[in-house]
PDB file of N, CA and C in Angstrom:
ATOM      1  N   MET A   1      91.738  64.588  92.148  1.00  0.00           N
ATOM      2  CA  MET A   1      93.116  64.957  91.770  1.00  0.00           C
ATOM      3  C   MET A   1      93.830  65.314  92.995  1.00  0.00           C
ATOM      4  N   SER A   2      94.748  64.630  93.323  1.00  0.00           N
ATOM      5  CA  SER A   2      95.769  64.809  94.358  1.00  0.00           C
ATOM      6  C   SER A   2      96.598  66.290  94.166  1.00  0.00           C
ATOM      7  N   ASN A   3      96.991  66.829  95.417  1.00  0.00           N
ATOM      8  CA  ASN A   3      97.635  68.107  95.243  1.00  0.00           C
ATOM      9  C   ASN A   3      99.200  67.962  95.516  1.00  0.00           C
ATOM     10  N   MET A   4      99.550  66.437  95.534  1.00  0.00           N
ATOM     11  CA  MET A   4     100.768  65.813  96.156  1.00  0.00           C
ATOM     12  C   MET A   4     101.520  65.914  94.747  1.00  0.00           C
ATOM     13  N   ILE A   5     103.253  66.601  94.991  1.00  0.00           N
ATOM     14  CA  ILE A   5     103.928  66.565  94.094  1.00  0.00           C
ATOM     15  C   ILE A   5     104.569  65.399  94.507  1.00  0.00           C
ATOM     16  N   ALA A   6     105.366  64.421  93.604  1.00  0.00           N
ATOM     17  CA  ALA A   6     105.946  63.221  93.332  1.00  0.00           C
ATOM     18  C   ALA A   6     107.521  63.429  93.102  1.00  0.00           C
ATOM     19  N   LYS A   7     108.782  63.643  94.237  1.00  0.00           N
ATOM     20  CA  LYS A   7     109.796  63.697  93.253  1.00  0.00           C
ATOM     21  C   LYS A   7     110.493  62.397  93.306  1.00  0.00           C
ATOM     22  N   VAL A   8     111.388  61.762  91.918  1.00  0.00           N
ATOM     23  CA  VAL A   8     111.801  60.674  91.454  1.00  0.00           C
ATOM     24  C   VAL A   8     112.967  61.120  91.115  1.00  0.00           C
ATOM     25  N   LYS A   9     114.335  60.683  90.855  1.00  0.00           N
ATOM     26  CA  LYS A   9     115.221  60.296  90.320  1.00  0.00           C
ATOM     27  C   LYS A   9     115.431  59.114  89.167  1.00  0.00           C
ATOM     28  N   PHE A  10     116.101  59.261  88.297  1.00  0.00           N
ATOM     29  CA  PHE A  10     116.279  58.641  86.991  1.00  0.00           C
ATOM     30  C   PHE A  10     117.773  57.649  86.806  1.00  0.00           C
ATOM     31  N   MET A  11     117.858  56.657  87.005  1.00  0.00           N
ATOM     32  CA  MET A  11     119.262  56.146  86.564  1.00  0.00           C
ATOM     33  C   MET A  11     119.813  56.848  85.798  1.00  0.00           C
ATOM     34  N   PRO A  12     121.171  57.007  85.865  1.00  0.00           N
ATOM     35  CA  PRO A  12     122.251  57.449  84.459  1.00  0.00           C
ATOM     36  C   PRO A  12     122.154  56.516  83.329  1.00  0.00           C
ATOM     37  N   GLY A  13     122.037  57.477  82.224  1.00  0.00           N
ATOM     38  CA  GLY A  13     121.757  56.424  81.062  1.00  0.00           C
ATOM     39  C   GLY A  13     120.258  56.605  80.417  1.00  0.00           C
ATOM     40  N   THR A  14     119.541  56.978  81.456  1.00  0.00           N
ATOM     41  CA  THR A  14     117.966  57.321  80.913  1.00  0.00           C
ATOM     42  C   THR A  14     117.972  58.755  79.928  1.00  0.00           C
ATOM     43  N   SER A  15     117.504  58.820  78.645  1.00  0.00           N
ATOM     44  CA  SER A  15     117.073  59.260  77.857  1.00  0.00           C
ATOM     45  C   SER A  15     116.048  60.846  78.545  1.00  0.00           C
ATOM     46  N   LEU A  16     116.312  61.697  77.851  1.00  0.00           N
ATOM     47  CA  LEU A  16     115.182  62.955  78.347  1.00  0.00           C
ATOM     48  C   LEU A  16     114.132  62.714  78.229  1.00  0.00           C
ATOM     49  N   VAL A  17     113.767  61.918  76.840  1.00  0.00           N
ATOM     50  CA  VAL A  17     112.276  61.442  76.081  1.00  0.00           C
ATOM     51  C   VAL A  17     112.013  60.689  77.472  1.00  0.00           C
ATOM     52  N   ASP A  18     112.457  59.442  77.076  1.00  0.00           N
ATOM     53  CA  ASP A  18     111.801  58.619  78.448  1.00  0.00           C
ATOM     54  C   ASP A  18     111.726  58.990  79.649  1.00  0.00           C
ATOM     55  N   ALA A  19     112.580  59.718  80.370  1.00  0.00           N
ATOM     56  CA  ALA A  19     112.265  60.603  81.652  1.00  0.00           C
ATOM     57  C   ALA A  19     110.684  61.425  81.727  1.00  0.00           C
ATOM     58  N   VAL A  20     111.053  62.117  80.610  1.00  0.00           N
ATOM     59  CA  VAL A  20     109.749  62.815  80.651  1.00  0.00           C
ATOM     60  C   VAL A  20     108.447  62.152  80.373  1.00  0.00           C
ATOM     61  N   ARG A  21     108.529  61.183  79.448  1.00  0.00           N
ATOM     62  CA  ARG A  21     107.268  60.155  79.378  1.00  0.00           C
ATOM     63  C   ARG A  21     106.999  59.555  80.476  1.00  0.00           C
ATOM     64  N   GLU A  22     107.854  58.775  81.085  1.00  0.00           N
ATOM     65  CA  GLU A  22     107.623  57.976  82.720  1.00  0.00           C
ATOM     66  C   GLU A  22     107.082  59.201  83.635  1.00  0.00           C
ATOM     67  N   ALA A  23     107.747  59.983  83.525  1.00  0.00           N
ATOM     68  CA  ALA A  23     107.274  61.003  84.652  1.00  0.00           C
ATOM     69  C   ALA A  23     105.627  61.232  84.465  1.00  0.00           C
ATOM     70  N   LYS A  24     104.934  61.633  82.853  1.00  0.00           N
ATOM     71  CA  LYS A  24     103.907  61.816  82.757  1.00  0.00           C
ATOM     72  C   LYS A  24     103.267  60.437  83.055  1.00  0.00           C
ATOM     73  N   ASN A  25     103.501  59.405  82.521  1.00  0.00           N
ATOM     74  CA  ASN A  25     102.647  58.323  83.048  1.00  0.00           C
ATOM     75  C   ASN A  25     102.683  57.896  84.694  1.00  0.00           C
ATOM     76  N   LYS A  26     103.792  58.401  85.457  1.00  0.00           N
ATOM     77  CA  LYS A  26     103.612  58.171  86.893  1.00  0.00           C
ATOM     78  C   LYS A  26     102.266  59.136  86.946  1.00  0.00           C
ATOM     79  N   ALA A  27     102.420  60.561  86.796  1.00  0.00           N
ATOM     80  CA  ALA A  27     101.638  61.497  87.364  1.00  0.00           C
ATOM     81  C   ALA A  27     100.233  61.174  87.418  1.00  0.00           C
ATOM     82  N   ILE A  28     100.014  60.123  86.359  1.00  0.00           N
ATOM     83  CA  ILE A  28      98.537  59.663  85.834  1.00  0.00           C
ATOM     84  C   ILE A  28      98.619  58.284  86.607  1.00  0.00           C
ATOM     85  N   LEU A  29      99.332  57.555  86.731  1.00  0.00           N
ATOM     86  CA  LEU A  29      99.175  56.503  87.326  1.00  0.00           C
ATOM     87  C   LEU A  29      98.824  56.784  89.154  1.00  0.00           C
ATOM     88  N   TRP A  30      99.746  57.559  89.466  1.00  0.00           N
ATOM     89  CA  TRP A  30      99.576  57.580  90.888  1.00  0.00           C
ATOM     90  C   TRP A  30      98.635  58.742  91.508  1.00  0.00           C
ATOM     91  N   ASP A  31      98.045  59.172  90.179  1.00  0.00           N
ATOM     92  CA  ASP A  31      97.287  60.589  90.358  1.00  0.00           C
ATOM     93  C   ASP A  31      97.560  61.603  91.422  1.00  0.00           C
ATOM     94  N   VAL A  32      98.967  61.980  90.874  1.00  0.00           N
ATOM     95  CA  VAL A  32      99.858  63.279  91.575  1.00  0.00           C
ATOM     96  C   VAL A  32      99.621  64.607  90.928  1.00  0.00           C
ATOM     97  N   LYS A  33      99.736  65.478  91.327  1.00  0.00           N
ATOM     98  CA  LYS A  33      99.725  66.571  90.506  1.00  0.00           C
ATOM     99  C   LYS A  33     101.077  66.954  89.566  1.00  0.00           C
ATOM    100  N   LYS A  34     102.077  66.763  89.990  1.00  0.00           N
ATOM    101  CA  LYS A  34     103.443  66.825  89.534  1.00  0.00           C
ATOM    102  C   LYS A  34     104.443  65.586  89.791  1.00  0.00           C
ATOM    103  N   VAL A  35     105.353  65.281  89.015  1.00  0.00           N
ATOM    104  CA  VAL A  35     106.360  64.742  88.913  1.00  0.00           C
ATOM    105  C   VAL A  35     107.522  65.417  88.849  1.00  0.00           C
ATOM    106  N   GLU A  36     108.244  65.550  89.917  1.00  0.00           N
ATOM    107  CA  GLU A  36     109.601  66.047  89.595  1.00  0.00           C
ATOM    108  C   GLU A  36     111.032  65.409  89.771  1.00  0.00           C
ATOM    109  N   PHE A  37     111.640  65.932  88.996  1.00  0.00           N
ATOM    110  CA  PHE A  37     113.276  65.595  89.086  1.00  0.00           C
ATOM    111  C   PHE A  37     114.048  66.351  88.013  1.00  0.00           C
ATOM    112  N   CYS A  38     115.606  66.236  88.568  1.00  0.00           N
ATOM    113  CA  CYS A  38     116.567  67.052  87.683  1.00  0.00           C
ATOM    114  C   CYS A  38     117.220  65.903  86.949  1.00  0.00           C
ATOM    115  N   PHE A  39     117.297  67.001  85.724  1.00  0.00           N
ATOM    116  CA  PHE A  39     118.189  65.816  84.413  1.00  0.00           C
ATOM    117  C   PHE A  39     119.024  66.815  83.974  1.00  0.00           C
ATOM    118  N   ASN A  40     120.355  66.585  84.080  1.00  0.00           N
ATOM    119  CA  ASN A  40     121.779  67.293  84.028  1.00  0.00           C
ATOM    120  C   ASN A  40     121.381  68.476  84.615  1.00  0.00           C
ATOM    121  N   GLY A  41     121.435  68.963  85.503  1.00  0.00           N
ATOM    122  CA  GLY A  41     121.351  70.006  86.319  1.00  0.00           C
ATOM    123  C   GLY A  41     119.994  70.844  85.736  1.00  0.00           C
ATOM    124  N   LYS A  42     118.797  70.437  85.108  1.00  0.00           N
ATOM    125  CA  LYS A  42     118.069  71.200  85.057  1.00  0.00           C
ATOM    126  C   LYS A  42     116.578  70.792  85.665  1.00  0.00           C
ATOM    127  N   TYR A  43     115.424  71.576  86.109  1.00  0.00           N
ATOM    128  CA  TYR A  43     114.806  70.962  86.815  1.00  0.00           C
ATOM    129  C   TYR A  43     113.686  70.791  86.185  1.00  0.00           C
ATOM    130  N   PHE A  44     112.751  69.782  86.087  1.00  0.00           N
ATOM    131  CA  PHE A  44     111.118  69.298  85.357  1.00  0.00           C
ATOM    132  C   PHE A  44     110.648  69.194  86.505  1.00  0.00           C
ATOM    133  N   SER A  45     109.370  69.884  86.372  1.00  0.00           N
ATOM    134  CA  SER A  45     108.040  69.430  87.083  1.00  0.00           C
ATOM    135  C   SER A  45     107.123  69.029  85.764  1.00  0.00           C
ATOM    136  N   ILE A  46     106.162  67.527  86.151  1.00  0.00           N
ATOM    137  CA  ILE A  46     105.840  67.028  84.653  1.00  0.00           C
ATOM    138  C   ILE A  46     104.282  67.100  85.388  1.00  0.00           C
ATOM    139  N   GLY A  47     103.148  67.344  84.252  1.00  0.00           N
ATOM    140  CA  GLY A  47     102.071  66.822  85.108  1.00  0.00           C
ATOM    141  C   GLY A  47     101.398  65.676  84.452  1.00  0.00           C
ATOM    142  N   LYS A  48     100.231  65.396  84.482  1.00  0.00           N
ATOM    143  CA  LYS A  48      99.170  64.471  83.478  1.00  0.00           C
ATOM    144  C   LYS A  48      99.158  64.846  82.017  1.00  0.00           C
ATOM    145  N   SER A  49      99.271  66.006  81.749  1.00  0.00           N
ATOM    146  CA  SER A  49      98.888  66.481  80.609  1.00  0.00           C
ATOM    147  C   SER A  49     100.410  67.006  79.707  1.00  0.00           C
ATOM    148  N   ALA A  50     101.495  66.607  80.187  1.00  0.00           N
ATOM    149  CA  ALA A  50     102.830  67.427  79.658  1.00  0.00           C
ATOM    150  C   ALA A  50     102.542  67.208  77.882  1.00  0.00           C
ATOM    151  N   ASP A  51     103.289  68.008  77.610  1.00  0.00           N
ATOM    152  CA  ASP A  51     103.786  67.829  75.992  1.00  0.00           C
ATOM    153  C   ASP A  51     105.360  67.317  76.004  1.00  0.00           C
ATOM    154  N   ILE A  52     105.228  66.059  75.902  1.00  0.00           N
ATOM    155  CA  ILE A  52     106.816  65.771  75.827  1.00  0.00           C
ATOM    156  C   ILE A  52     107.655  66.621  75.074  1.00  0.00           C
ATOM    157  N   GLU A  53     107.435  66.509  73.514  1.00  0.00           N
ATOM    158  CA  GLU A  53     108.285  67.220  72.697  1.00  0.00           C
ATOM    159  C   GLU A  53     108.231  68.557  73.228  1.00  0.00           C
ATOM    160  N   LYS A  54     107.597  69.417  73.709  1.00  0.00           N
ATOM    161  CA  LYS A  54     107.445  71.175  74.052  1.00  0.00           C
ATOM    162  C   LYS A  54     108.776  70.683  75.401  1.00  0.00           C
ATOM    163  N   CYS A  55     108.712  69.692  76.093  1.00  0.00           N
ATOM    164  CA  CYS A  55     109.661  69.379  77.386  1.00  0.00           C
ATOM    165  C   CYS A  55     110.637  69.661  76.665  1.00  0.00           C
ATOM    166  N   VAL A  56     110.980  68.732  75.865  1.00  0.00           N
ATOM    167  CA  VAL A  56     112.500  68.377  75.220  1.00  0.00           C
ATOM    168  C   VAL A  56     113.004  69.872  74.321  1.00  0.00           C
ATOM    169  N   LYS A  57     112.020  70.250  73.989  1.00  0.00           N
ATOM    170  CA  LYS A  57     112.508  71.557  72.822  1.00  0.00           C
ATOM    171  C   LYS A  57     112.879  72.734  74.178  1.00  0.00           C
ATOM    172  N   ALA A  58     112.056  72.808  75.253  1.00  0.00           N
ATOM    173  CA  ALA A  58     112.836  73.866  76.418  1.00  0.00           C
ATOM    174  C   ALA A  58     113.716  73.493  76.769  1.00  0.00           C
ATOM    175  N   TYR A  59     114.209  72.107  77.175  1.00  0.00           N
ATOM    176  CA  TYR A  59     115.790  71.684  77.066  1.00  0.00           C
ATOM    177  C   TYR A  59     116.590  72.128  76.262  1.00  0.00           C
ATOM    178  N   GLN A  60     116.580  71.736  75.326  1.00  0.00           N
ATOM    179  CA  GLN A  60     117.316  71.948  74.296  1.00  0.00           C
ATOM    180  C   GLN A  60     117.662  73.391  74.109  1.00  0.00           C
ATOM    181  N   ASP A  61     116.534  74.415  73.888  1.00  0.00           N
ATOM    182  CA  ASP A  61     116.648  75.642  74.193  1.00  0.00           C
ATOM    183  C   ASP A  61     117.194  76.565  75.196  1.00  0.00           C
ATOM    184  N   GLY A  62     117.630  75.757  76.286  1.00  0.00           N
ATOM    185  CA  GLY A  62     118.630  76.034  77.243  1.00  0.00           C
ATOM    186  C   GLY A  62     117.716  76.703  79.001  1.00  0.00           C
ATOM    187  N   ALA A  63     116.566  76.122  78.756  1.00  0.00           N
ATOM    188  CA  ALA A  63     115.495  76.307  79.830  1.00  0.00           C
ATOM    189  C   ALA A  63     116.416  76.078  81.055  1.00  0.00           C
ATOM    190  N   ASP A  64     116.220  76.549  82.258  1.00  0.00           N
ATOM    191  CA  ASP A  64     116.493  75.790  83.699  1.00  0.00           C
ATOM    192  C   ASP A  64     115.298  75.234  84.270  1.00  0.00           C
ATOM    193  N   PHE A  65     114.324  75.668  84.078  1.00  0.00           N
ATOM    194  CA  PHE A  65     113.298  75.177  84.550  1.00  0.00           C
ATOM    195  C   PHE A  65     112.352  74.932  83.628  1.00  0.00           C
ATOM    196  N   ILE A  66     111.802  73.642  83.558  1.00  0.00           N
ATOM    197  CA  ILE A  66     110.753  73.252  82.278  1.00  0.00           C
ATOM    198  C   ILE A  66     109.211  72.828  83.314  1.00  0.00           C
ATOM    199  N   PHE A  67     108.575  73.317  83.099  1.00  0.00           N
ATOM    200  CA  PHE A  67     106.982  72.759  83.672  1.00  0.00           C
ATOM    201  C   PHE A  67     105.804  72.715  82.663  1.00  0.00           C
ATOM    202  N   SER A  68     105.286  71.510  82.886  1.00  0.00           N
ATOM    203  CA  SER A  68     104.300  71.196  81.971  1.00  0.00           C
ATOM    204  C   SER A  68     103.464  70.094  82.485  1.00  0.00           C
TER     205      SER A  68
END
């Protein structure tokens, strides 16, 4: 596994579930440690084994940093 982190941006209008799902899929496809992005001012760092529902729940609970 690579120790690389990929930073991405999502187009406006992308749903949080789609963003987390795509970040997880890209981490797998690109074989990188994490895919990082900001969503409505919140910071996400998503890995290959991310739990999409837990990420969304953490966002809804007001977390500023979501790591999975």
